[in-house]
Structures are given as C-alpha cells and as structure tokens.
Amino acid sequence: MTIAAIEGNGNHKVLVLHGWALDSGVWLTARALSDVGRFTFAYVDFPGYGVARDEAPADGIDGMAQAALDDAKGLGWESFSVLGHSMGGLTALRVATLAPQQVRSVVAVTPASPAGTPLDEQTYAAFASAWSDPGPTIKGGLSPNIAAEDLSRLVARNRASMTQAVWDAYLANWTAASFFSELGSLEMPVTLFYGDSDPFITEDYLKDTVNAIPNVESLELKGSGHYPMIEAPAASVPLWERALTK
C-alpha cells in the first residue's frame, strides 16, 4: 500500500491524491482544517514519493490510477470519493473512469488535462530542468502570489520526498495523459476547481474537460494559484468538502 496517512472516522470515505511536485505532504495545512467527523481521508503517496519512495514510479496515468484503486481495495473500501490536486486531479478522473461503480464523486483541484498537455520542446525542458530548483517555476509559472515562507517549505518537502528520476517519470505521465474520450461515461458528480491566480490551469484550459463531462461544475478559488491547499486553505477546504457530498 502507498497510504501515507488515514484521518477521520466519517462514513464518507475519500482517497486523496497529490500532484507532481510534492508528495501527500502538500495537504498538511488543509488536513488540519478538514472535517474528520464527516469524512475518512486516505492520503496516497504515488509510487516513488514519500512513504512509497522505494517503489518504482507508476507507469502512466493508468498505473497511477491502479495504485490508488489498489489502496482502496487494501482498505476494504467498496465505495469512496476521490479528491486530487493537479496531476492527482487528473488521476482522480481516471480512477472514476476505471471504477465508475465505486466512485461517489470526484473533486479535481487545478487538474491537468485528460487529453494530455502537449508542451513545446523548450517548455518541457524547462519543467524537467526545474528539478534542480523548483522554486522559480512554482512562483513564476504556477503560484505567483505564494508566500515566500510557504514556497520555502514546499521546496524543502520536494527535496525530502522524491528523486529526480521520479520527477522526470511523472512529468512524462501527466503530460501524456490520453483518456479524454472516456469522460462522457462519467455519471457521478464531478467538480473542477481552478485558482484565480493560476496562470497554467485556467478556466480556459479546463474548458474542454468541462464540456466533456455530463455532471460537472467548474468553480474558481479566490486568492489562490496552483496550490490552494497551501495558499488559501481556510477558504478552499469547505468548498471542496461541499463538492464531495453533492
């Protein structure tokens, strides 16, 4: 199993999936604000990250989704929701398409596209080389308003929770996603959140995904870039918890 933590005793069970640049520690501030009476949260580290650091990276988005489903099976969860951030939001949608009878709802926070994110050679190289110092990429291209102290903690956690090989493998995974054609089969409630200051995952970027899902809502998170669980947790947590229970 790749579960980093289980919190709560609520009847509504939630798999929580992290993004590319950080393990499940990205949710730490939000965890303190979460409703652990109503929900039970299982925080997943994808293979190669955090508590699963000794494992080989998952093979593509399908491999990541299967790792999450294996964790749910290991917990004995037959019905659950999925909350994911960025690459994890993309994976949450894939979990739903692979196990639609098990997934109650999906909340994807600043999610990458299920159609893939084709980056030109220069941009891809810039994302790949950001491993040596991810701070400027996060501040400059993802969360321009993130506080210096929060950025410093995020970068330190990045260094402690993964290797460059994992960074490279998962960059390839999320940019090459390819299950867009399956989104129309989703019947459960799906909510997509984007930060009002995120220059990368914008309302326009999400437009095709929104149009492809039958039962979907797209909502803006005020005061946030790409990392609302770090930048605006007090405002964001109640919104995505409400979305989980649609």
Protein backbone atom coordinates (compact mmCIF):
# COMPACT_ATOMS: atom_id res chain seq x y z
CA MET A 1 0.00 0.00 0.00
CA THR A 2 1.07 3.58 -0.61
CA ILE A 3 -1.10 5.21 2.07
CA ALA A 4 0.79 7.91 3.96
CA ALA A 5 -1.96 8.67 6.49
CA ILE A 6 -5.57 7.88 7.31
CA GLU A 7 -7.55 10.51 9.20
CA GLY A 8 -11.15 10.72 10.32
CA ASN A 9 -13.94 8.33 11.22
CA GLY A 10 -16.70 9.56 8.94
CA ASN A 11 -18.82 7.34 6.75
CA HIS A 12 -17.85 9.22 3.59
CA LYS A 13 -14.51 7.79 2.52
CA VAL A 14 -12.14 9.84 0.35
CA LEU A 15 -8.95 8.89 -1.48
CA VAL A 16 -6.71 11.97 -1.63
CA LEU A 17 -4.16 12.19 -4.45
CA HIS A 18 -1.24 14.65 -4.65
CA GLY A 19 0.31 16.43 -7.62
CA TRP A 20 3.63 16.25 -9.43
CA ALA A 21 5.97 18.43 -7.37
CA LEU A 22 5.18 17.11 -3.90
CA ASP A 23 4.02 14.01 -2.06
CA SER A 24 0.89 13.86 0.14
CA GLY A 25 2.53 16.41 2.43
CA VAL A 26 1.08 19.07 0.12
CA TRP A 27 -2.21 18.58 2.03
CA LEU A 28 -0.79 19.08 5.53
CA THR A 29 -2.28 22.52 6.21
CA ALA A 30 -5.62 21.53 4.69
CA ARG A 31 -5.69 18.34 6.78
CA ALA A 32 -5.85 20.40 9.96
CA LEU A 33 -8.99 22.11 8.65
CA SER A 34 -10.75 19.01 7.31
CA ASP A 35 -13.99 17.59 8.70
CA VAL A 36 -12.78 14.32 10.15
CA GLY A 37 -16.15 13.62 11.74
CA ARG A 38 -17.95 13.55 8.43
CA PHE A 39 -15.17 12.05 6.28
CA THR A 40 -12.43 9.45 6.43
CA PHE A 41 -9.46 10.59 4.34
CA ALA A 42 -6.76 8.26 2.99
CA TYR A 43 -3.76 10.28 1.78
CA VAL A 44 -1.97 8.42 -1.01
CA ASP A 45 1.69 8.73 -1.99
CA PHE A 46 2.15 7.64 -5.59
CA PRO A 47 4.89 5.03 -6.10
CA GLY A 48 8.26 6.77 -5.83
CA TYR A 49 7.03 9.52 -3.50
CA GLY A 50 7.05 9.87 0.28
CA VAL A 51 6.31 6.63 2.10
CA ALA A 52 6.46 4.83 -1.27
CA ARG A 53 9.83 6.37 -2.17
CA ASP A 54 11.49 2.96 -2.59
CA GLU A 55 8.98 1.87 -5.22
CA ALA A 56 9.42 2.35 -8.96
CA PRO A 57 7.31 5.17 -10.46
CA ALA A 58 3.90 4.15 -11.77
CA ASP A 59 3.61 3.51 -15.49
CA GLY A 60 1.47 6.32 -16.89
CA ILE A 61 -1.77 7.74 -15.55
CA ASP A 62 -3.36 4.29 -15.74
CA GLY A 63 -0.66 2.90 -13.46
CA MET A 64 -1.21 5.75 -11.02
CA ALA A 65 -4.98 5.22 -11.01
CA GLN A 66 -4.49 1.50 -10.46
CA ALA A 67 -2.19 2.19 -7.50
CA ALA A 68 -4.93 4.31 -5.94
CA LEU A 69 -7.56 1.63 -6.60
CA ASP A 70 -5.29 -1.00 -5.05
CA ASP A 71 -5.03 1.18 -1.95
CA ALA A 72 -8.83 1.45 -1.75
CA LYS A 73 -9.11 -2.32 -2.10
CA GLY A 74 -6.49 -2.81 0.61
CA LEU A 75 -8.55 -0.61 2.91
CA GLY A 76 -11.68 -2.60 2.15
CA TRP A 77 -13.37 0.44 0.61
CA GLU A 78 -16.09 -0.55 -1.84
CA SER A 79 -17.43 2.99 -2.26
CA PHE A 80 -15.47 6.23 -1.99
CA SER A 81 -14.90 9.70 -3.43
CA VAL A 82 -11.65 10.95 -4.91
CA LEU A 83 -10.01 14.32 -4.20
CA GLY A 84 -6.96 15.12 -6.28
CA HIS A 85 -4.64 18.03 -6.95
CA SER A 86 -3.05 18.86 -10.32
CA MET A 87 -1.59 15.57 -11.62
CA GLY A 88 -3.61 13.91 -8.84
CA GLY A 89 -6.77 15.66 -10.03
CA LEU A 90 -6.18 14.22 -13.47
CA THR A 91 -5.65 10.81 -11.88
CA ALA A 92 -8.84 11.18 -9.84
CA LEU A 93 -10.76 11.46 -13.11
CA ARG A 94 -9.01 8.35 -14.41
CA VAL A 95 -9.92 6.42 -11.27
CA ALA A 96 -13.55 7.37 -11.90
CA THR A 97 -13.49 6.15 -15.49
CA LEU A 98 -11.86 2.86 -14.47
CA ALA A 99 -14.12 2.18 -11.45
CA PRO A 100 -17.35 4.15 -12.00
CA GLN A 101 -19.43 1.87 -9.78
CA GLN A 102 -17.17 2.56 -6.80
CA VAL A 103 -16.63 6.32 -7.09
CA ARG A 104 -19.27 8.51 -5.43
CA SER A 105 -17.89 11.87 -6.53
CA VAL A 106 -14.74 13.45 -7.91
CA VAL A 107 -13.16 16.75 -6.87
CA ALA A 108 -10.20 17.77 -9.02
CA VAL A 109 -8.27 20.82 -7.81
CA THR A 110 -6.30 22.62 -10.57
CA PRO A 111 -6.24 19.37 -12.60
CA ALA A 112 -4.11 18.65 -15.64
CA SER A 113 -5.98 17.65 -18.79
CA PRO A 114 -7.15 14.08 -19.55
CA ALA A 115 -6.32 14.87 -23.19
CA GLY A 116 -2.68 15.40 -22.21
CA THR A 117 -0.77 18.65 -22.05
CA PRO A 118 1.46 18.85 -25.12
CA LEU A 119 4.32 21.14 -24.21
CA ASP A 120 6.71 22.52 -26.79
CA GLU A 121 10.29 21.30 -26.52
CA GLN A 122 11.51 24.41 -24.72
CA THR A 123 8.70 24.38 -22.13
CA TYR A 124 9.06 20.66 -21.48
CA ALA A 125 12.80 21.11 -20.98
CA ALA A 126 12.13 23.97 -18.58
CA PHE A 127 9.75 21.84 -16.49
CA ALA A 128 12.23 18.96 -16.48
CA SER A 129 15.19 21.14 -15.50
CA ALA A 130 13.18 22.73 -12.68
CA TRP A 131 14.12 19.75 -10.55
CA SER A 132 17.42 21.50 -9.74
CA ASP A 133 15.49 24.45 -8.28
CA PRO A 134 11.67 24.17 -8.44
CA GLY A 135 11.10 27.42 -6.55
CA PRO A 136 11.18 29.79 -9.54
CA THR A 137 8.87 27.54 -11.58
CA ILE A 138 6.33 27.33 -8.77
CA LYS A 139 6.48 31.05 -8.04
CA GLY A 140 6.78 32.22 -11.63
CA GLY A 141 4.60 29.80 -13.55
CA LEU A 142 2.14 28.28 -11.09
CA SER A 143 1.55 30.36 -7.96
CA PRO A 144 2.70 33.95 -8.40
CA ASN A 145 1.17 35.02 -5.08
CA ILE A 146 2.52 32.22 -2.90
CA ALA A 147 4.17 33.48 0.27
CA ALA A 148 7.95 33.15 0.48
CA GLU A 149 7.73 31.03 3.65
CA ASP A 150 5.22 28.66 2.05
CA LEU A 151 7.35 28.37 -1.07
CA SER A 152 10.42 27.57 1.00
CA ARG A 153 8.59 24.80 2.87
CA LEU A 154 7.19 23.37 -0.37
CA VAL A 155 10.63 23.21 -1.98
CA ALA A 156 12.17 21.63 1.13
CA ARG A 157 9.43 18.98 1.16
CA ASN A 158 10.02 18.36 -2.53
CA ARG A 159 13.66 17.58 -1.84
CA ALA A 160 12.84 15.23 1.02
CA SER A 161 10.09 13.25 -0.69
CA MET A 162 11.28 12.32 -4.19
CA THR A 163 14.21 11.96 -6.59
CA GLN A 164 14.94 13.45 -10.00
CA ALA A 165 14.08 10.12 -11.64
CA VAL A 166 10.61 10.32 -10.08
CA TRP A 167 10.27 13.97 -11.14
CA ASP A 168 11.08 13.02 -14.75
CA ALA A 169 8.84 9.93 -14.82
CA TYR A 170 5.74 11.71 -13.56
CA LEU A 171 6.29 14.71 -15.82
CA ALA A 172 6.04 12.25 -18.71
CA ASN A 173 2.95 10.64 -17.13
CA TRP A 174 0.78 13.73 -16.73
CA THR A 175 1.73 15.46 -19.96
CA ALA A 176 0.94 12.29 -21.96
CA ALA A 177 -2.48 11.52 -20.44
CA SER A 178 -4.89 10.12 -23.03
CA PHE A 179 -8.36 9.14 -21.82
CA PHE A 180 -10.36 12.22 -22.78
CA SER A 181 -12.77 10.18 -24.90
CA GLU A 182 -13.93 8.26 -21.82
CA LEU A 183 -15.06 11.28 -19.80
CA GLY A 184 -18.55 11.20 -21.29
CA SER A 185 -19.28 7.94 -19.45
CA LEU A 186 -18.97 9.56 -16.01
CA GLU A 187 -22.29 9.79 -14.16
CA MET A 188 -21.15 10.77 -10.67
CA PRO A 189 -20.87 14.46 -9.66
CA VAL A 190 -17.55 15.99 -10.74
CA THR A 191 -16.23 19.36 -9.59
CA LEU A 192 -13.19 21.05 -11.11
CA PHE A 193 -11.54 23.90 -9.21
CA TYR A 194 -9.10 26.45 -10.60
CA GLY A 195 -7.22 29.21 -8.78
CA ASP A 196 -7.93 32.79 -9.79
CA SER A 197 -4.16 33.46 -9.88
CA ASP A 198 -3.05 30.20 -11.54
CA PRO A 199 -1.51 31.14 -14.91
CA PHE A 200 -1.29 27.49 -16.00
CA ILE A 201 -4.56 25.69 -15.12
CA THR A 202 -7.02 28.40 -16.10
CA GLU A 203 -10.75 28.38 -16.75
CA ASP A 204 -9.99 28.32 -20.47
CA TYR A 205 -7.54 25.40 -20.07
CA LEU A 206 -10.30 23.40 -18.35
CA LYS A 207 -12.99 24.26 -20.90
CA ASP A 208 -12.72 21.09 -22.99
CA THR A 209 -12.71 18.86 -19.91
CA VAL A 210 -15.77 20.64 -18.51
CA ASN A 211 -17.63 20.26 -21.80
CA ALA A 212 -16.85 16.53 -21.97
CA ILE A 213 -18.25 15.55 -18.54
CA PRO A 214 -22.05 15.28 -18.15
CA ASN A 215 -22.47 16.06 -14.44
CA VAL A 216 -19.80 18.67 -13.84
CA GLU A 217 -19.27 22.04 -12.22
CA SER A 218 -16.28 24.32 -12.60
CA LEU A 219 -15.52 26.72 -9.73
CA GLU A 220 -12.96 29.44 -9.09
CA LEU A 221 -10.93 29.51 -5.88
CA LYS A 222 -10.29 33.10 -4.81
CA GLY A 223 -6.87 34.17 -3.62
CA SER A 224 -5.10 31.13 -4.97
CA GLY A 225 -2.75 30.00 -7.69
CA HIS A 226 -1.93 26.36 -8.37
CA TYR A 227 -1.70 25.32 -4.70
CA PRO A 228 -4.95 26.36 -2.96
CA MET A 229 -4.36 23.89 -0.13
CA ILE A 230 -1.26 25.96 0.71
CA GLU A 231 -2.26 29.43 -0.44
CA ALA A 232 -5.90 29.63 0.68
CA PRO A 233 -6.76 26.53 2.73
CA ALA A 234 -9.36 28.14 5.03
CA ALA A 235 -11.43 29.27 2.05
CA SER A 236 -10.81 26.20 -0.11
CA VAL A 237 -11.38 23.22 2.21
CA PRO A 238 -15.10 23.93 2.90
CA LEU A 239 -15.73 24.35 -0.83
CA TRP A 240 -14.26 21.04 -1.89
CA GLU A 241 -15.78 19.21 1.06
CA ARG A 242 -19.18 20.54 -0.01
CA ALA A 243 -18.43 19.39 -3.56
CA LEU A 244 -17.54 15.89 -2.33
CA THR A 245 -21.01 15.45 -0.87
CA LYS A 246 -23.07 16.51 -3.89
